[in-house]
Amino acid sequence: MTGCVSATVTAVNLGFSDTFIAEWLYSWSIAFPVGFVLLLLLSPQFRRIVDKIVYYGNVD
């Protein structure tokens, strides 16, 4: 996911120039660790929120 997003943003900002691959890999090298850490930190909270929504939606 981070690869697709960083490639899209790089293409929008720079276009498909000669330096696209190098710039994309640089931006991805920053985006991937940030995304991975956020995934580890925030996924438990999101799971609790979704569980509450699903539980309250199925009270029969």
C-alpha atoms as a PDB file:
ATOM      1  CA  MET A   1       0.000   0.000   0.000  1.00  0.00           C
ATOM      2  CA  THR A   2       2.753   2.455   0.898  1.00  0.00           C
ATOM      3  CA  GLY A   3       4.464   1.652  -2.388  1.00  0.00           C
ATOM      4  CA  CYS A   4       1.358   2.502  -4.416  1.00  0.00           C
ATOM      5  CA  VAL A   5       0.696   5.715  -2.532  1.00  0.00           C
ATOM      6  CA  SER A   6       4.288   6.920  -2.700  1.00  0.00           C
ATOM      7  CA  ALA A   7       4.495   6.045  -6.422  1.00  0.00           C
ATOM      8  CA  THR A   8       1.294   7.969  -7.116  1.00  0.00           C
ATOM      9  CA  VAL A   9       2.384  11.045  -5.193  1.00  0.00           C
ATOM     10  CA  THR A  10       5.823  10.951  -6.811  1.00  0.00           C
ATOM     11  CA  ALA A  11       4.280  10.662 -10.283  1.00  0.00           C
ATOM     12  CA  VAL A  12       1.902  13.543  -9.617  1.00  0.00           C
ATOM     13  CA  ASN A  13       4.653  15.784  -8.273  1.00  0.00           C
ATOM     14  CA  LEU A  14       7.464  14.902 -10.682  1.00  0.00           C
ATOM     15  CA  GLY A  15       5.840  13.137 -13.598  1.00  0.00           C
ATOM     16  CA  PHE A  16       7.492  10.111 -15.161  1.00  0.00           C
ATOM     17  CA  SER A  17      10.927  11.623 -15.592  1.00  0.00           C
ATOM     18  CA  ASP A  18      14.359  10.016 -15.654  1.00  0.00           C
ATOM     19  CA  THR A  19      14.620  10.326 -11.888  1.00  0.00           C
ATOM     20  CA  PHE A  20      11.188   8.844 -11.118  1.00  0.00           C
ATOM     21  CA  ILE A  21      12.444   5.458  -9.871  1.00  0.00           C
ATOM     22  CA  ALA A  22      15.133   6.964  -7.639  1.00  0.00           C
ATOM     23  CA  GLU A  23      12.759   9.543  -6.156  1.00  0.00           C
ATOM     24  CA  TRP A  24      10.019   6.959  -5.678  1.00  0.00           C
ATOM     25  CA  LEU A  25      12.337   4.529  -3.883  1.00  0.00           C
ATOM     26  CA  TYR A  26      13.555   7.346  -1.657  1.00  0.00           C
ATOM     27  CA  SER A  27      10.023   8.395  -0.713  1.00  0.00           C
ATOM     28  CA  TRP A  28       9.008   4.774  -0.201  1.00  0.00           C
ATOM     29  CA  SER A  29      11.988   4.201   2.100  1.00  0.00           C
ATOM     30  CA  ILE A  30      10.488   6.883   4.333  1.00  0.00           C
ATOM     31  CA  ALA A  31       6.811   5.969   3.922  1.00  0.00           C
ATOM     32  CA  PHE A  32       7.154   2.248   4.633  1.00  0.00           C
ATOM     33  CA  PRO A  33       8.663   2.481   8.150  1.00  0.00           C
ATOM     34  CA  VAL A  34       6.225   5.255   9.102  1.00  0.00           C
ATOM     35  CA  GLY A  35       3.259   3.226   7.836  1.00  0.00           C
ATOM     36  CA  PHE A  36       4.461   0.052   9.533  1.00  0.00           C
ATOM     37  CA  VAL A  37       4.913   1.735  12.921  1.00  0.00           C
ATOM     38  CA  LEU A  38       1.493   3.386  12.647  1.00  0.00           C
ATOM     39  CA  LEU A  39      -0.031   0.023  11.758  1.00  0.00           C
ATOM     40  CA  LEU A  40       1.483  -1.576  14.846  1.00  0.00           C
ATOM     41  CA  LEU A  41       0.431   1.257  17.129  1.00  0.00           C
ATOM     42  CA  LEU A  42      -3.060   1.997  15.834  1.00  0.00           C
ATOM     43  CA  SER A  43      -4.450  -1.369  14.741  1.00  0.00           C
ATOM     44  CA  PRO A  44      -5.443  -2.458  18.294  1.00  0.00           C
ATOM     45  CA  GLN A  45      -7.478   0.717  18.757  1.00  0.00           C
ATOM     46  CA  PHE A  46      -9.152   0.354  15.365  1.00  0.00           C
ATOM     47  CA  ARG A  47      -9.939  -3.283  16.114  1.00  0.00           C
ATOM     48  CA  ARG A  48     -11.672  -2.291  19.369  1.00  0.00           C
ATOM     49  CA  ILE A  49     -13.709   0.380  17.578  1.00  0.00           C
ATOM     50  CA  VAL A  50     -14.787  -2.047  14.854  1.00  0.00           C
ATOM     51  CA  ASP A  51     -15.646  -4.713  17.435  1.00  0.00           C
ATOM     52  CA  LYS A  52     -17.876  -2.232  19.278  1.00  0.00           C
ATOM     53  CA  ILE A  53     -19.619  -1.227  16.058  1.00  0.00           C
ATOM     54  CA  VAL A  54     -20.187  -4.823  15.027  1.00  0.00           C
ATOM     55  CA  TYR A  55     -21.289  -5.896  18.519  1.00  0.00           C
ATOM     56  CA  TYR A  56     -23.756  -3.033  18.965  1.00  0.00           C
ATOM     57  CA  GLY A  57     -25.093  -3.559  15.472  1.00  0.00           C
ATOM     58  CA  ASN A  58     -25.953  -7.209  16.233  1.00  0.00           C
ATOM     59  CA  VAL A  59     -27.772  -6.878  19.557  1.00  0.00           C
ATOM     60  CA  ASP A  60     -30.827  -9.087  19.042  1.00  0.00           C
END
